[in-house]
């Protein structure tokens, strides 16, 4: 009986520690990606008339590179559909910027930020997600 209790407690502790590690990484990844996307939004918003497509293109490319690095680790414990939605929006964002459709690009930015925050909330360890 004591052996089973020790095994159960060990499993619960392992789950809690693993969850804390993954939640920290998810929060860090979402925060960093959101900041990068907010920077692009600021550039577009502040320079509506004189938008430097090359600068924005470089930033979008940097965001995609950062996402690819984060995606590899997040894919271990987050549904691939959720991650693919973010990647699809980032690709759409790049296309809208290249086409000069900045209104649509802002929409893609908002959707990307929403999806990132949704991923963070969905995989948070709280009572709402447990039940």
N, C-alpha and C. Protein backbone atom coordinates (compact mmCIF):
# COMPACT_ATOMS: atom_id res chain seq x y z
N UNK A 1 0.82 -1.19 0.00
CA UNK A 1 0.00 0.00 0.00
C UNK A 1 0.87 1.26 0.00
N UNK A 2 1.89 1.29 0.81
CA UNK A 2 2.78 2.45 0.88
C UNK A 2 3.52 2.64 -0.44
N UNK A 3 3.86 1.55 -1.09
CA UNK A 3 4.56 1.60 -2.36
C UNK A 3 3.71 2.29 -3.43
N UNK A 4 2.41 1.96 -3.47
CA UNK A 4 1.50 2.57 -4.44
C UNK A 4 1.32 4.06 -4.19
N UNK A 5 1.25 4.45 -2.93
CA UNK A 5 1.09 5.86 -2.59
C UNK A 5 2.33 6.65 -3.02
N UNK A 6 3.49 6.09 -2.78
CA UNK A 6 4.74 6.76 -3.19
C UNK A 6 4.79 6.90 -4.71
N UNK A 7 4.40 5.88 -5.43
CA UNK A 7 4.38 5.94 -6.90
C UNK A 7 3.40 7.01 -7.38
N UNK A 8 2.22 7.05 -6.79
CA UNK A 8 1.21 8.05 -7.18
C UNK A 8 1.71 9.47 -6.90
N UNK A 9 2.30 9.69 -5.74
CA UNK A 9 2.80 11.01 -5.40
C UNK A 9 3.93 11.41 -6.34
N UNK A 10 4.80 10.47 -6.68
CA UNK A 10 5.90 10.74 -7.62
C UNK A 10 5.35 11.12 -8.99
N UNK A 11 4.33 10.44 -9.45
CA UNK A 11 3.72 10.74 -10.74
C UNK A 11 3.09 12.13 -10.72
N UNK A 12 2.38 12.45 -9.66
CA UNK A 12 1.73 13.77 -9.56
C UNK A 12 2.77 14.88 -9.53
N UNK A 13 3.83 14.70 -8.78
CA UNK A 13 4.90 15.70 -8.71
C UNK A 13 5.55 15.88 -10.08
N UNK A 14 5.78 14.78 -10.78
CA UNK A 14 6.38 14.84 -12.11
C UNK A 14 5.48 15.60 -13.08
N UNK A 15 4.19 15.37 -13.00
CA UNK A 15 3.24 16.06 -13.88
C UNK A 15 3.23 17.56 -13.59
N UNK A 16 3.20 17.92 -12.32
CA UNK A 16 3.16 19.33 -11.95
C UNK A 16 4.44 20.04 -12.38
N UNK A 17 5.58 19.43 -12.15
CA UNK A 17 6.86 20.04 -12.54
C UNK A 17 6.95 20.16 -14.07
N UNK A 18 6.57 19.10 -14.78
CA UNK A 18 6.58 19.15 -16.24
C UNK A 18 5.65 20.23 -16.78
N UNK A 19 4.49 20.37 -16.17
CA UNK A 19 3.54 21.39 -16.60
C UNK A 19 4.11 22.78 -16.37
N UNK A 20 4.75 22.99 -15.23
CA UNK A 20 5.34 24.31 -14.96
C UNK A 20 6.40 24.67 -15.98
N UNK A 21 7.22 23.70 -16.35
CA UNK A 21 8.28 23.95 -17.34
C UNK A 21 7.67 24.29 -18.69
N UNK A 22 6.69 23.51 -19.14
CA UNK A 22 6.08 23.77 -20.45
C UNK A 22 5.28 25.06 -20.44
N UNK A 23 4.61 25.37 -19.34
CA UNK A 23 3.84 26.60 -19.27
C UNK A 23 4.75 27.82 -19.30
N UNK A 24 5.87 27.74 -18.62
CA UNK A 24 6.85 28.84 -18.65
C UNK A 24 7.35 29.08 -20.07
N UNK A 25 7.68 28.00 -20.76
CA UNK A 25 8.19 28.14 -22.13
C UNK A 25 7.10 28.70 -23.05
N UNK A 26 5.88 28.21 -22.89
CA UNK A 26 4.78 28.70 -23.72
C UNK A 26 4.55 30.19 -23.48
N UNK A 27 4.54 30.59 -22.23
CA UNK A 27 4.34 32.00 -21.90
C UNK A 27 5.46 32.85 -22.48
N UNK A 28 6.67 32.40 -22.36
CA UNK A 28 7.82 33.14 -22.91
C UNK A 28 7.72 33.24 -24.43
N UNK A 29 7.38 32.14 -25.09
CA UNK A 29 7.27 32.14 -26.55
C UNK A 29 6.16 33.06 -27.02
N UNK A 30 5.00 32.99 -26.37
CA UNK A 30 3.87 33.83 -26.76
C UNK A 30 4.21 35.30 -26.53
N UNK A 31 4.83 35.60 -25.41
CA UNK A 31 5.19 36.99 -25.11
C UNK A 31 6.17 37.55 -26.14
N UNK A 32 7.18 36.76 -26.48
CA UNK A 32 8.16 37.23 -27.45
C UNK A 32 7.55 37.40 -28.84
N UNK A 33 6.76 36.44 -29.27
CA UNK A 33 6.13 36.55 -30.59
C UNK A 33 5.15 37.72 -30.63
N UNK A 34 4.40 37.91 -29.56
CA UNK A 34 3.45 39.02 -29.51
C UNK A 34 4.18 40.35 -29.57
N UNK A 35 5.29 40.47 -28.87
CA UNK A 35 6.07 41.71 -28.93
C UNK A 35 6.60 41.98 -30.33
N UNK A 36 7.07 40.95 -31.01
CA UNK A 36 7.55 41.13 -32.38
C UNK A 36 6.42 41.57 -33.30
N UNK A 37 5.25 40.97 -33.15
CA UNK A 37 4.10 41.35 -33.98
C UNK A 37 3.62 42.76 -33.65
N UNK A 38 3.64 43.11 -32.38
CA UNK A 38 3.25 44.48 -31.98
C UNK A 38 4.21 45.51 -32.56
N UNK A 39 5.49 45.17 -32.64
CA UNK A 39 6.46 46.09 -33.25
C UNK A 39 6.14 46.34 -34.72
N UNK A 40 5.75 45.29 -35.43
CA UNK A 40 5.37 45.44 -36.84
C UNK A 40 4.12 46.30 -36.94
N UNK A 41 3.16 46.08 -36.05
CA UNK A 41 1.93 46.87 -36.05
C UNK A 41 2.26 48.34 -35.83
N UNK A 42 3.16 48.62 -34.90
CA UNK A 42 3.56 50.00 -34.61
C UNK A 42 4.19 50.65 -35.84
N UNK A 43 5.05 49.92 -36.51
CA UNK A 43 5.71 50.46 -37.72
C UNK A 43 4.67 50.79 -38.78
N UNK A 44 3.74 49.88 -39.00
CA UNK A 44 2.71 50.11 -40.03
C UNK A 44 1.83 51.28 -39.62
N UNK A 45 1.42 51.31 -38.36
CA UNK A 45 0.49 52.34 -37.89
C UNK A 45 1.13 53.73 -37.90
N UNK A 46 2.39 53.83 -37.48
CA UNK A 46 3.04 55.13 -37.38
C UNK A 46 3.45 55.70 -38.73
N UNK A 47 3.72 54.84 -39.69
CA UNK A 47 4.19 55.33 -40.99
C UNK A 47 3.25 54.91 -42.10
N UNK A 48 1.98 55.28 -41.95
CA UNK A 48 0.97 54.88 -42.93
C UNK A 48 1.30 55.33 -44.35
N UNK A 49 1.84 56.52 -44.48
CA UNK A 49 2.10 57.05 -45.82
C UNK A 49 3.46 56.64 -46.35
N UNK A 50 4.45 56.53 -45.50
CA UNK A 50 5.82 56.24 -45.94
C UNK A 50 6.28 54.90 -45.39
N UNK A 51 5.57 53.86 -45.71
CA UNK A 51 5.90 52.53 -45.19
C UNK A 51 7.08 51.97 -45.97
N UNK A 52 8.10 51.56 -45.24
CA UNK A 52 9.28 50.93 -45.82
C UNK A 52 9.02 49.42 -45.92
N UNK A 53 8.67 48.98 -47.12
CA UNK A 53 8.32 47.58 -47.33
C UNK A 53 9.49 46.67 -47.00
N UNK A 54 10.69 47.11 -47.31
CA UNK A 54 11.87 46.28 -47.03
C UNK A 54 12.06 46.05 -45.53
N UNK A 55 11.90 47.12 -44.75
CA UNK A 55 12.06 46.98 -43.29
C UNK A 55 11.01 46.05 -42.71
N UNK A 56 9.77 46.25 -43.13
CA UNK A 56 8.69 45.39 -42.63
C UNK A 56 8.90 43.95 -43.10
N UNK A 57 9.33 43.79 -44.34
CA UNK A 57 9.60 42.46 -44.87
C UNK A 57 10.68 41.74 -44.07
N UNK A 58 11.72 42.48 -43.70
CA UNK A 58 12.79 41.89 -42.89
C UNK A 58 12.27 41.50 -41.51
N UNK A 59 11.44 42.34 -40.93
CA UNK A 59 10.88 42.02 -39.61
C UNK A 59 9.97 40.80 -39.68
N UNK A 60 9.16 40.72 -40.72
CA UNK A 60 8.27 39.57 -40.89
C UNK A 60 9.11 38.30 -41.07
N UNK A 61 10.17 38.41 -41.84
CA UNK A 61 11.05 37.26 -42.04
C UNK A 61 11.69 36.84 -40.72
N UNK A 62 12.08 37.82 -39.90
CA UNK A 62 12.62 37.52 -38.57
C UNK A 62 11.60 36.85 -37.67
N UNK A 63 10.36 37.29 -37.78
CA UNK A 63 9.27 36.68 -37.00
C UNK A 63 9.07 35.23 -37.44
N UNK A 64 9.10 34.99 -38.74
CA UNK A 64 8.92 33.62 -39.23
C UNK A 64 10.07 32.71 -38.77
N UNK A 65 11.28 33.22 -38.77
CA UNK A 65 12.43 32.43 -38.30
C UNK A 65 12.27 32.12 -36.81
N UNK A 66 11.89 33.13 -36.05
CA UNK A 66 11.68 32.93 -34.60
C UNK A 66 10.56 31.91 -34.37
N UNK A 67 9.49 32.01 -35.15
CA UNK A 67 8.38 31.08 -35.00
C UNK A 67 8.82 29.64 -35.31
N UNK A 68 9.62 29.47 -36.36
CA UNK A 68 10.08 28.13 -36.71
C UNK A 68 10.89 27.52 -35.57
N UNK A 69 11.70 28.32 -34.90
CA UNK A 69 12.48 27.81 -33.77
C UNK A 69 11.56 27.46 -32.60
N UNK A 70 10.61 28.31 -32.32
CA UNK A 70 9.67 28.06 -31.22
C UNK A 70 8.74 26.89 -31.55
N UNK A 71 8.34 26.81 -32.81
CA UNK A 71 7.41 25.78 -33.24
C UNK A 71 7.94 24.38 -32.96
N UNK A 72 9.23 24.18 -33.18
CA UNK A 72 9.83 22.86 -32.96
C UNK A 72 9.62 22.38 -31.53
N UNK A 73 9.83 23.25 -30.56
CA UNK A 73 9.68 22.86 -29.16
C UNK A 73 8.22 22.82 -28.73
N UNK A 74 7.42 23.76 -29.21
CA UNK A 74 6.01 23.78 -28.83
C UNK A 74 5.26 22.56 -29.38
N UNK A 75 5.72 22.03 -30.50
CA UNK A 75 5.05 20.90 -31.13
C UNK A 75 5.10 19.64 -30.27
N UNK A 76 5.99 19.58 -29.30
CA UNK A 76 6.07 18.41 -28.43
C UNK A 76 4.84 18.26 -27.55
N UNK A 77 4.20 19.38 -27.19
CA UNK A 77 3.11 19.29 -26.22
C UNK A 77 1.88 20.12 -26.57
N UNK A 78 1.86 20.76 -27.71
CA UNK A 78 0.69 21.54 -28.13
C UNK A 78 0.17 20.94 -29.44
N UNK A 79 -1.15 20.94 -29.58
CA UNK A 79 -1.77 20.40 -30.78
C UNK A 79 -1.21 21.09 -32.03
N UNK A 80 -0.93 20.29 -33.03
CA UNK A 80 -0.35 20.82 -34.25
C UNK A 80 -1.31 21.74 -34.99
N UNK A 81 -2.60 21.49 -34.86
CA UNK A 81 -3.58 22.37 -35.53
C UNK A 81 -3.47 23.80 -35.02
N UNK A 82 -3.29 23.96 -33.72
CA UNK A 82 -3.16 25.29 -33.14
C UNK A 82 -1.93 26.00 -33.68
N UNK A 83 -0.83 25.27 -33.76
CA UNK A 83 0.42 25.86 -34.25
C UNK A 83 0.34 26.18 -35.74
N UNK A 84 -0.35 25.33 -36.48
CA UNK A 84 -0.49 25.57 -37.93
C UNK A 84 -1.35 26.80 -38.20
N UNK A 85 -2.32 27.07 -37.35
CA UNK A 85 -3.14 28.27 -37.53
C UNK A 85 -2.27 29.53 -37.42
N UNK A 86 -1.38 29.54 -36.45
CA UNK A 86 -0.48 30.68 -36.28
C UNK A 86 0.42 30.81 -37.50
N UNK A 87 0.97 29.68 -37.95
CA UNK A 87 1.86 29.71 -39.11
C UNK A 87 1.12 30.17 -40.36
N UNK A 88 -0.13 29.75 -40.52
CA UNK A 88 -0.94 30.19 -41.65
C UNK A 88 -1.15 31.70 -41.61
N UNK A 89 -1.44 32.24 -40.43
CA UNK A 89 -1.64 33.68 -40.31
C UNK A 89 -0.35 34.45 -40.57
N UNK A 90 0.78 33.92 -40.14
CA UNK A 90 2.05 34.59 -40.40
C UNK A 90 2.36 34.60 -41.90
N UNK A 91 2.03 33.52 -42.57
CA UNK A 91 2.24 33.47 -44.02
C UNK A 91 1.31 34.44 -44.72
N UNK A 92 0.05 34.51 -44.25
CA UNK A 92 -0.90 35.48 -44.80
C UNK A 92 -0.45 36.91 -44.56
N UNK A 93 0.12 37.14 -43.38
CA UNK A 93 0.63 38.47 -43.05
C UNK A 93 1.74 38.87 -44.01
N UNK A 94 2.64 37.96 -44.27
CA UNK A 94 3.73 38.24 -45.20
C UNK A 94 3.18 38.56 -46.60
N UNK A 95 2.20 37.80 -47.03
CA UNK A 95 1.59 38.03 -48.35
C UNK A 95 0.88 39.37 -48.43
N UNK A 96 0.17 39.73 -47.38
CA UNK A 96 -0.55 41.02 -47.36
C UNK A 96 0.43 42.19 -47.38
N UNK A 97 1.53 42.05 -46.66
CA UNK A 97 2.54 43.12 -46.65
C UNK A 97 3.16 43.26 -48.03
N UNK A 98 3.50 42.14 -48.64
CA UNK A 98 4.11 42.19 -49.98
C UNK A 98 3.16 42.77 -51.02
N UNK A 99 1.86 42.53 -50.84
CA UNK A 99 0.86 43.05 -51.77
C UNK A 99 0.51 44.51 -51.48
N UNK A 100 0.97 45.03 -50.35
CA UNK A 100 0.67 46.41 -50.00
C UNK A 100 -0.69 46.60 -49.37
N UNK A 101 -1.32 45.52 -48.96
CA UNK A 101 -2.64 45.57 -48.32
C UNK A 101 -2.45 45.68 -46.81
N UNK A 102 -2.19 46.89 -46.32
CA UNK A 102 -1.84 47.06 -44.93
C UNK A 102 -3.04 46.93 -43.99
N UNK A 103 -4.23 47.22 -44.47
CA UNK A 103 -5.43 47.01 -43.65
C UNK A 103 -5.64 45.53 -43.37
N UNK A 104 -5.49 44.73 -44.42
CA UNK A 104 -5.61 43.28 -44.25
C UNK A 104 -4.45 42.73 -43.43
N UNK A 105 -3.28 43.34 -43.57
CA UNK A 105 -2.13 42.91 -42.78
C UNK A 105 -2.39 43.14 -41.29
N UNK A 106 -3.02 44.26 -40.95
CA UNK A 106 -3.35 44.53 -39.56
C UNK A 106 -4.32 43.48 -39.03
N UNK A 107 -5.25 43.06 -39.87
CA UNK A 107 -6.19 42.01 -39.48
C UNK A 107 -5.44 40.70 -39.22
N UNK A 108 -4.50 40.36 -40.09
CA UNK A 108 -3.69 39.15 -39.90
C UNK A 108 -2.87 39.25 -38.61
N UNK A 109 -2.35 40.44 -38.34
CA UNK A 109 -1.60 40.66 -37.10
C UNK A 109 -2.48 40.40 -35.88
N UNK A 110 -3.67 40.96 -35.90
CA UNK A 110 -4.59 40.78 -34.78
C UNK A 110 -4.95 39.30 -34.60
N UNK A 111 -5.20 38.61 -35.70
CA UNK A 111 -5.53 37.19 -35.61
C UNK A 111 -4.36 36.38 -35.07
N UNK A 112 -3.17 36.70 -35.50
CA UNK A 112 -1.99 35.99 -35.02
C UNK A 112 -1.80 36.19 -33.52
N UNK A 113 -1.94 37.41 -33.07
CA UNK A 113 -1.80 37.70 -31.64
C UNK A 113 -2.89 36.99 -30.85
N UNK A 114 -4.12 37.02 -31.36
CA UNK A 114 -5.21 36.32 -30.68
C UNK A 114 -4.93 34.83 -30.57
N UNK A 115 -4.48 34.21 -31.65
CA UNK A 115 -4.19 32.78 -31.62
C UNK A 115 -3.07 32.44 -30.65
N UNK A 116 -2.05 33.27 -30.62
CA UNK A 116 -0.95 33.04 -29.66
C UNK A 116 -1.46 33.11 -28.23
N UNK A 117 -2.25 34.12 -27.93
CA UNK A 117 -2.79 34.25 -26.58
C UNK A 117 -3.76 33.12 -26.26
N UNK A 118 -4.50 32.67 -27.27
CA UNK A 118 -5.42 31.55 -27.08
C UNK A 118 -4.65 30.27 -26.74
N UNK A 119 -3.54 30.05 -27.41
CA UNK A 119 -2.71 28.88 -27.12
C UNK A 119 -2.23 28.94 -25.67
N UNK A 120 -1.77 30.10 -25.26
CA UNK A 120 -1.29 30.26 -23.89
C UNK A 120 -2.40 29.97 -22.88
N UNK A 121 -3.60 30.51 -23.12
CA UNK A 121 -4.72 30.30 -22.21
C UNK A 121 -5.20 28.86 -22.22
N UNK A 122 -5.25 28.27 -23.40
CA UNK A 122 -5.78 26.91 -23.54
C UNK A 122 -4.93 25.88 -22.80
N UNK A 123 -3.64 26.08 -22.76
CA UNK A 123 -2.76 25.11 -22.15
C UNK A 123 -2.29 25.51 -20.76
N UNK A 124 -2.92 26.52 -20.19
CA UNK A 124 -2.58 26.92 -18.82
C UNK A 124 -3.13 25.87 -17.86
N UNK A 125 -2.42 25.68 -16.78
CA UNK A 125 -2.81 24.70 -15.77
C UNK A 125 -3.70 25.39 -14.75
N UNK A 126 -5.02 25.32 -14.95
CA UNK A 126 -5.96 25.90 -14.02
C UNK A 126 -7.21 25.03 -13.97
N UNK A 127 -8.07 25.30 -13.01
CA UNK A 127 -9.24 24.45 -12.81
C UNK A 127 -10.19 24.47 -14.01
N UNK A 128 -10.29 25.59 -14.68
CA UNK A 128 -11.18 25.70 -15.83
C UNK A 128 -10.76 24.73 -16.93
N UNK A 129 -9.46 24.59 -17.15
CA UNK A 129 -8.97 23.69 -18.20
C UNK A 129 -8.96 22.23 -17.76
N UNK A 130 -8.95 21.99 -16.47
CA UNK A 130 -8.96 20.61 -15.99
C UNK A 130 -10.35 20.02 -16.10
N UNK A 131 -11.37 20.80 -15.73
CA UNK A 131 -12.74 20.31 -15.78
C UNK A 131 -13.39 20.85 -16.98
